[in-house]
């Protein structure tokens, strides 16, 4: 993008929101608003005509809502999309669906659907536009949106193991996770600790959607939860998820200590605690995302003799977190996302 401004299309039915978003974006020397759309249909048409680098897409719009518009955009002119939505349970559920369909990221309106105080999240929006502009759009094309029909793999047919799996994911994660969790077989004999960088409400929605599509039980982790095999524990937004041994039972605890890698929940925190308890029986998985979260945790897993899987560049929406792990030499396996479930079954059964 050097030397050329990032061209942004804004789609929102609120005139006020369009003005606020346009002012925020146009205030930056490296980006410009090239078009405005007031409904989903206009967003699809303007995307086709203007070929923007990034689209900010509201969900509640007349004529065609954001989800329908997103499906059309991904099918016809794949473009990095950032969803702009309210921080409600309903908003979280729809945003999680949008991320599975192919939206790259999202920003929440701090004060409801028409938000005059949206400027509070201006820096977050600008950072996400810059990141989205670097996404390889062919990745948006090549991955189908939903994987709920995929047959789960056959179970290794073994009794309970003493193994445990931890998964780290960030930007593009909800989409990659659709390839991993729903493909694991019923009776998967190890617990899975999932750290997806998301705010509160959204992690609950992610857990509910994965649970609906999976043979495994997927829950948002609660403080004091007893760890069971075949259950996926999703770290709640704004809490680190830790593990501790209490009278020979592994339990989850939630921790609001300082952010790590500028995020909370952080995968490094969970990987670290898992490695201390499960040692060489630990398996770490690092999926798509920006930054380096999971790298130190992967080092800890390797230190104890566990195994580490990194998602390969070919399927990552953002090849940041897995790249850091691969570059440090901590990855035992580098695999496209759809090959990861098979490897997990093999490692847990081995």
Protein backbone atom coordinates (compact mmCIF):
# COMPACT_ATOMS: atom_id res chain seq x y z
CA UNK A 1 0.00 0.00 0.00
CA UNK A 2 3.01 2.33 0.14
CA UNK A 3 2.59 5.60 -1.77
CA UNK A 4 -1.10 4.92 -2.39
CA UNK A 5 -3.94 5.70 -0.04
CA UNK A 6 -6.12 2.90 1.33
CA UNK A 7 -9.47 3.35 -0.42
CA UNK A 8 -12.44 2.79 1.91
CA UNK A 9 -16.14 2.30 1.17
CA UNK A 10 -18.51 3.09 4.08
CA UNK A 11 -21.88 1.30 4.20
CA UNK A 12 -24.23 2.52 6.95
CA UNK A 13 -27.87 3.61 6.92
CA UNK A 14 -27.25 6.34 9.52
CA UNK A 15 -26.32 9.71 8.01
CA UNK A 16 -24.61 10.68 11.29
CA UNK A 17 -22.51 7.49 11.37
CA UNK A 18 -21.47 8.04 7.74
CA UNK A 19 -20.26 11.56 8.60
CA UNK A 20 -18.39 10.38 11.72
CA UNK A 21 -16.73 7.47 9.90
CA UNK A 22 -15.83 9.61 6.90
CA UNK A 23 -14.25 12.30 9.12
CA UNK A 24 -12.22 9.72 11.08
CA UNK A 25 -10.94 7.99 7.93
CA UNK A 26 -10.29 11.14 5.89
CA UNK A 27 -8.29 12.63 8.79
CA UNK A 28 -5.56 10.06 8.05
CA UNK A 29 -2.84 10.80 5.49
CA UNK A 30 -2.74 7.16 4.31
CA UNK A 31 -6.46 6.54 3.67
CA UNK A 32 -9.49 8.09 1.96
CA UNK A 33 -13.21 7.44 1.70
CA UNK A 34 -14.03 6.70 -1.94
CA UNK A 35 -17.76 6.04 -1.55
CA UNK A 36 -20.78 5.88 0.74
CA UNK A 37 -23.68 3.40 0.73
CA UNK A 38 -26.94 3.63 2.70
CA UNK A 39 -28.06 0.01 2.36
CA UNK A 40 -26.69 -3.43 1.55
CA UNK A 41 -27.69 -3.34 -2.08
CA UNK A 42 -25.82 -0.07 -2.62
CA UNK A 43 -22.82 -1.55 -0.79
CA UNK A 44 -22.71 -4.50 -3.23
CA UNK A 45 -23.07 -2.20 -6.27
CA UNK A 46 -20.50 0.36 -5.07
CA UNK A 47 -18.04 -2.39 -4.18
CA UNK A 48 -18.30 -3.61 -7.77
CA UNK A 49 -17.97 -0.12 -9.29
CA UNK A 50 -15.34 1.41 -6.97
CA UNK A 51 -13.22 -1.65 -6.10
CA UNK A 52 -12.28 -0.31 -2.65
CA UNK A 53 -9.41 -1.78 -0.62
CA UNK A 54 -11.57 -2.07 2.53
CA UNK A 55 -15.30 -1.82 3.33
CA UNK A 56 -16.82 -0.84 6.68
CA UNK A 57 -20.20 -2.55 6.79
CA UNK A 58 -23.09 -1.90 9.16
CA UNK A 59 -25.34 -4.88 9.89
CA UNK A 60 -28.77 -3.28 10.36
CA UNK A 61 -29.57 -1.73 6.97
CA UNK A 62 -32.67 -1.50 4.76
CA UNK A 63 -33.21 -3.27 1.39
CA UNK A 64 -30.44 -5.77 2.14
CA UNK A 65 -28.86 -6.25 5.55
CA UNK A 66 -25.13 -6.45 6.20
CA UNK A 67 -25.01 -10.25 6.31
CA UNK A 68 -26.70 -10.64 2.91
CA UNK A 69 -24.50 -7.87 1.46
CA UNK A 70 -21.39 -9.59 2.87
CA UNK A 71 -22.36 -12.91 1.26
CA UNK A 72 -22.80 -11.17 -2.11
CA UNK A 73 -19.52 -9.25 -1.79
CA UNK A 74 -17.58 -12.42 -0.89
CA UNK A 75 -19.15 -14.29 -3.83
CA UNK A 76 -18.81 -11.53 -6.44
CA UNK A 77 -15.96 -9.19 -5.47
CA UNK A 78 -14.07 -10.52 -2.43
CA UNK A 79 -12.92 -7.48 -0.44
CA UNK A 80 -11.65 -7.12 3.15
CA UNK A 81 -14.70 -6.15 5.23
CA UNK A 82 -14.83 -4.72 8.77
CA UNK A 83 -18.22 -5.10 10.43
CA UNK A 84 -19.44 -2.15 12.49
CA UNK A 85 -22.07 -3.21 15.02
CA UNK A 86 -23.52 -2.61 18.46
CA UNK A 87 -22.16 -4.42 21.53
CA UNK A 88 -25.30 -6.43 22.30
CA UNK A 89 -25.88 -10.19 22.49
CA UNK A 90 -27.82 -10.08 19.25
CA UNK A 91 -25.14 -7.89 17.66
CA UNK A 92 -22.44 -10.31 18.84
CA UNK A 93 -24.25 -13.32 17.36
CA UNK A 94 -24.64 -11.63 13.97
CA UNK A 95 -21.04 -10.36 14.00
CA UNK A 96 -19.74 -13.86 14.79
CA UNK A 97 -21.72 -15.16 11.80
CA UNK A 98 -20.22 -12.41 9.64
CA UNK A 99 -16.68 -13.40 10.70
CA UNK A 100 -17.41 -17.01 9.72
CA UNK A 101 -18.73 -15.88 6.32
CA UNK A 102 -15.55 -13.94 5.63
CA UNK A 103 -15.49 -10.53 7.33
CA UNK A 104 -11.91 -9.86 8.39
CA UNK A 105 -12.65 -8.00 11.63
CA UNK A 106 -15.20 -5.91 13.50
CA UNK A 107 -15.54 -2.73 15.57
CA UNK A 108 -18.33 -2.21 18.08
CA UNK A 109 -20.27 1.03 18.40
CA UNK A 110 -19.83 2.06 22.04
CA UNK A 111 -23.25 3.68 22.40
CA UNK A 112 -25.73 1.55 20.48
CA UNK A 113 -26.67 1.56 16.82
CA UNK A 114 -26.23 5.30 16.13
CA UNK A 115 -23.25 6.31 18.14
CA UNK A 116 -22.13 9.93 18.50
CA UNK A 117 -19.30 8.75 20.78
CA UNK A 118 -17.93 6.37 18.13
CA UNK A 119 -14.77 8.53 18.06
CA UNK A 120 -13.73 6.67 21.24
CA UNK A 121 -12.94 3.64 19.09
CA UNK A 122 -11.47 5.66 16.20
CA UNK A 123 -7.90 4.41 16.77
CA UNK A 124 -9.08 0.80 16.84
CA UNK A 125 -11.01 1.30 13.59
CA UNK A 126 -8.02 2.91 11.84
CA UNK A 127 -5.64 0.16 12.96
CA UNK A 128 -8.09 -2.49 11.71
CA UNK A 129 -8.51 -0.74 8.34
CA UNK A 130 -4.72 -0.73 7.89
CA UNK A 131 -4.51 -4.42 8.79
CA UNK A 132 -7.48 -5.34 6.58
CA UNK A 133 -5.91 -3.55 3.60
CA UNK A 134 -2.98 -6.00 3.79
CA UNK A 135 -5.16 -9.13 3.72
CA UNK A 136 -4.73 -11.33 0.66
CA UNK A 137 -8.21 -11.29 -0.93
CA UNK A 138 -7.57 -14.64 -2.64
CA UNK A 139 -7.78 -16.15 0.89
CA UNK A 140 -11.27 -14.70 1.22
CA UNK A 141 -12.21 -16.40 -2.05
CA UNK A 142 -10.61 -19.78 -1.53
CA UNK A 143 -12.23 -20.73 1.78
CA UNK A 144 -15.92 -21.66 1.78
CA UNK A 145 -17.91 -19.88 4.47
CA UNK A 146 -19.53 -22.68 6.47
CA UNK A 147 -18.31 -26.16 7.32
CA UNK A 148 -21.20 -27.43 9.42
CA UNK A 149 -21.98 -30.39 7.16
CA UNK A 150 -18.49 -31.90 7.25
CA UNK A 151 -18.50 -35.41 8.70
CA UNK A 152 -16.56 -35.55 11.95
CA UNK A 153 -13.43 -37.68 11.81
CA UNK A 154 -13.53 -41.13 13.33
CA UNK A 155 -12.57 -41.13 16.98
CA UNK A 156 -9.19 -42.67 17.78
CA UNK A 157 -11.17 -45.28 19.73
CA UNK A 158 -9.00 -44.89 22.79
CA UNK A 159 -9.99 -44.30 26.37
CA UNK A 160 -9.32 -40.99 28.06
CA UNK A 161 -5.82 -39.70 27.63
CA UNK A 162 -3.89 -37.40 29.91
CA UNK A 163 -3.40 -35.04 27.00
CA UNK A 164 -4.72 -31.51 26.53
CA UNK A 165 -5.00 -29.14 23.58
CA UNK A 166 -4.85 -25.34 23.57
CA UNK A 167 -5.76 -23.28 20.51
CA UNK A 168 -4.82 -19.63 19.86
CA UNK A 169 -6.58 -17.55 17.22
CA UNK A 170 -7.19 -13.89 16.43
CA UNK A 171 -8.01 -12.09 13.16
CA UNK A 172 -9.71 -14.60 10.86
CA UNK A 173 -10.02 -17.04 13.77
CA UNK A 174 -13.80 -17.63 13.84
CA UNK A 175 -13.56 -18.77 10.23
CA UNK A 176 -10.57 -21.06 10.78
CA UNK A 177 -12.19 -22.51 13.91
CA UNK A 178 -15.14 -23.65 11.79
CA UNK A 179 -12.71 -26.03 10.07
CA UNK A 180 -11.24 -27.35 13.29
CA UNK A 181 -13.79 -27.78 16.10
CA UNK A 182 -16.78 -29.13 14.09
CA UNK A 183 -14.47 -31.67 12.38
CA UNK A 184 -13.36 -33.29 15.65
CA UNK A 185 -15.08 -36.57 16.56
CA UNK A 186 -17.48 -37.24 19.40
CA UNK A 187 -15.54 -38.84 22.23
CA UNK A 188 -12.41 -36.77 21.53
CA UNK A 189 -10.47 -37.88 24.60
CA UNK A 190 -8.84 -34.59 25.68
CA UNK A 191 -10.03 -31.15 26.81
CA UNK A 192 -9.49 -28.17 24.48
CA UNK A 193 -8.72 -24.67 25.76
CA UNK A 194 -9.56 -22.06 23.13
CA UNK A 195 -8.28 -18.48 23.26
CA UNK A 196 -9.82 -16.24 20.58
CA UNK A 197 -9.09 -12.51 20.87
CA UNK A 198 -12.61 -11.09 21.31
CA UNK A 199 -14.44 -8.85 23.76
CA UNK A 200 -17.02 -10.14 26.28
CA UNK A 201 -20.40 -11.19 24.79
CA UNK A 202 -18.64 -12.13 21.55
CA UNK A 203 -16.78 -15.08 23.13
CA UNK A 204 -20.09 -16.40 24.47
CA UNK A 205 -21.63 -16.09 21.01
CA UNK A 206 -18.61 -17.85 19.45
CA UNK A 207 -18.94 -20.73 21.96
CA UNK A 208 -22.68 -21.08 21.23
CA UNK A 209 -22.14 -21.17 17.45
CA UNK A 210 -19.30 -23.70 17.66
CA UNK A 211 -21.34 -25.84 20.08
CA UNK A 212 -24.27 -25.83 17.64
CA UNK A 213 -22.03 -27.02 14.77
CA UNK A 214 -19.92 -29.57 16.66
CA UNK A 215 -20.01 -33.09 18.07
CA UNK A 216 -18.01 -31.79 21.04
CA UNK A 217 -19.47 -29.66 23.82
CA UNK A 218 -18.31 -26.04 23.51
CA UNK A 219 -18.78 -23.67 26.44
CA UNK A 220 -17.57 -20.26 27.52
CA UNK A 221 -15.28 -21.10 30.45
CA UNK A 222 -16.40 -20.23 33.97
CA UNK A 223 -14.31 -19.66 37.06
CA UNK A 224 -13.89 -23.00 38.90
CA UNK A 225 -15.05 -25.19 35.98
CA UNK A 226 -13.80 -28.76 36.37
CA UNK A 227 -11.92 -29.75 33.20
CA UNK A 228 -13.50 -32.67 31.28
CA UNK A 229 -12.30 -34.48 28.14
CA UNK A 230 -14.25 -33.77 24.96
CA UNK A 231 -15.17 -30.27 26.11
CA UNK A 232 -13.94 -27.07 24.43
CA UNK A 233 -13.49 -24.22 26.92
CA UNK A 234 -13.57 -20.76 25.31
CA UNK A 235 -11.72 -18.07 27.29
CA UNK A 236 -14.23 -15.30 28.10
CA UNK A 237 -13.52 -11.85 26.67
CA UNK A 238 -11.44 -9.63 28.98
CA UNK A 239 -10.20 -12.55 31.15
CA UNK A 240 -7.06 -14.66 30.92
CA UNK A 241 -7.93 -18.35 31.27
CA UNK A 242 -5.69 -20.29 33.63
CA UNK A 243 -5.57 -23.88 34.89
CA UNK A 244 -4.78 -25.20 38.36
CA UNK A 245 -4.68 -28.58 40.06
CA UNK A 246 -7.01 -28.98 43.05
CA UNK A 247 -6.96 -32.37 44.84
CA UNK A 248 -5.89 -34.12 41.62
CA UNK A 249 -8.63 -32.39 39.57
CA UNK A 250 -7.75 -29.77 36.92
CA UNK A 251 -9.89 -26.64 37.24
CA UNK A 252 -10.18 -23.43 35.27
CA UNK A 253 -9.69 -20.04 36.85
CA UNK A 254 -10.22 -16.64 35.29
CA UNK A 255 -7.74 -13.83 35.80
CA UNK A 256 -8.07 -10.12 35.11
CA UNK A 257 -4.36 -9.33 35.49
CA UNK A 258 -2.53 -7.07 33.03
CA UNK A 259 -2.93 -7.62 29.29
CA UNK A 260 -0.23 -9.73 27.63
CA UNK A 261 0.77 -8.86 24.04
CA UNK A 262 -1.80 -6.08 24.46
CA UNK A 263 -4.64 -8.63 24.66
CA UNK A 264 -6.80 -10.27 27.32
CA UNK A 265 -7.48 -13.19 26.99
CA UNK A 266 -3.92 -14.04 25.88
CA UNK A 267 -2.98 -17.45 24.50
CA UNK A 268 0.49 -17.20 26.07
CA UNK A 269 -1.14 -17.22 29.52
CA UNK A 270 -3.27 -20.32 28.84
CA UNK A 271 -0.51 -22.21 26.98
CA UNK A 272 1.86 -21.53 29.88
CA UNK A 273 -0.54 -22.88 32.53
CA UNK A 274 -1.47 -25.90 30.39
CA UNK A 275 2.21 -26.79 29.84
CA UNK A 276 2.89 -26.62 33.59
CA UNK A 277 0.06 -29.09 34.35
CA UNK A 278 0.09 -31.42 31.32
CA UNK A 279 3.82 -31.21 30.50
CA UNK A 280 4.83 -33.35 27.51
CA UNK A 281 1.15 -34.30 26.97
CA UNK A 282 0.40 -30.69 25.89
CA UNK A 283 -0.53 -29.84 22.30
CA UNK A 284 -0.61 -26.21 21.16
CA UNK A 285 -2.30 -24.98 17.98
CA UNK A 286 -1.69 -21.49 16.61
CA UNK A 287 -4.18 -20.29 14.01
CA UNK A 288 -4.48 -17.10 11.96
CA UNK A 289 -3.99 -13.72 13.64
CA UNK A 290 -1.90 -10.59 13.96
CA UNK A 291 1.02 -10.25 16.34
CA UNK A 292 2.95 -12.83 18.35
CA UNK A 293 0.49 -14.14 20.95
CA UNK A 294 1.10 -17.87 21.40
CA UNK A 295 4.85 -17.73 20.63
CA UNK A 296 6.07 -17.72 24.24
CA UNK A 297 3.39 -20.27 25.11
CA UNK A 298 4.58 -22.50 22.25
CA UNK A 299 8.13 -22.23 23.62
CA UNK A 300 6.85 -23.37 27.05
CA UNK A 301 5.03 -26.35 25.48
CA UNK A 302 8.21 -27.33 23.59
CA UNK A 303 10.27 -26.90 26.79
CA UNK A 304 8.11 -29.55 28.48
CA UNK A 305 8.24 -31.87 25.46
CA UNK A 306 4.79 -31.20 24.02
CA UNK A 307 3.83 -30.71 20.36
CA UNK A 308 2.97 -27.52 18.44
CA UNK A 309 0.90 -27.13 15.26
CA UNK A 310 0.87 -23.87 13.27
CA UNK A 311 -1.65 -23.01 10.56
CA UNK A 312 0.17 -22.63 7.25
CA UNK A 313 0.27 -19.40 5.27
CA UNK A 314 -1.90 -20.84 2.50
CA UNK A 315 -5.08 -20.77 4.65
CA UNK A 316 -4.32 -17.93 7.13
CA UNK A 317 -6.30 -14.72 6.69
CA UNK A 318 -3.42 -13.05 8.59
CA UNK A 319 -0.15 -14.98 8.74
CA UNK A 320 1.16 -13.28 11.88
CA UNK A 321 0.82 -15.46 14.99
CA UNK A 322 1.63 -18.76 13.21
CA UNK A 323 4.54 -17.14 11.33
CA UNK A 324 6.11 -15.99 14.61
CA UNK A 325 5.95 -19.57 15.95
CA UNK A 326 7.34 -21.04 12.72
CA UNK A 327 10.14 -18.44 12.52
CA UNK A 328 11.23 -19.27 16.07
CA UNK A 329 11.40 -22.96 15.13
CA UNK A 330 8.73 -24.06 17.63
CA UNK A 331 6.28 -25.64 15.15
CA UNK A 332 6.41 -29.43 14.84
CA UNK A 333 3.76 -29.31 12.10
CA UNK A 334 2.77 -26.52 9.69
CA UNK A 335 -0.58 -27.43 8.14
CA UNK A 336 -3.46 -25.89 6.19
CA UNK A 337 -6.37 -25.45 8.57
CA UNK A 338 -8.49 -28.32 7.20
CA UNK A 339 -5.63 -30.79 7.91
CA UNK A 340 -5.31 -29.76 11.58
CA UNK A 341 -8.22 -31.85 13.01
CA UNK A 342 -6.76 -35.06 11.59
CA UNK A 343 -3.37 -34.27 13.11
CA UNK A 344 -5.01 -33.52 16.48
CA UNK A 345 -6.81 -36.89 16.46
CA UNK A 346 -3.51 -38.59 15.60
CA UNK A 347 -1.55 -36.77 18.34
CA UNK A 348 -4.19 -37.24 21.03
CA UNK A 349 -4.55 -40.91 20.11
CA UNK A 350 -0.78 -41.44 19.87
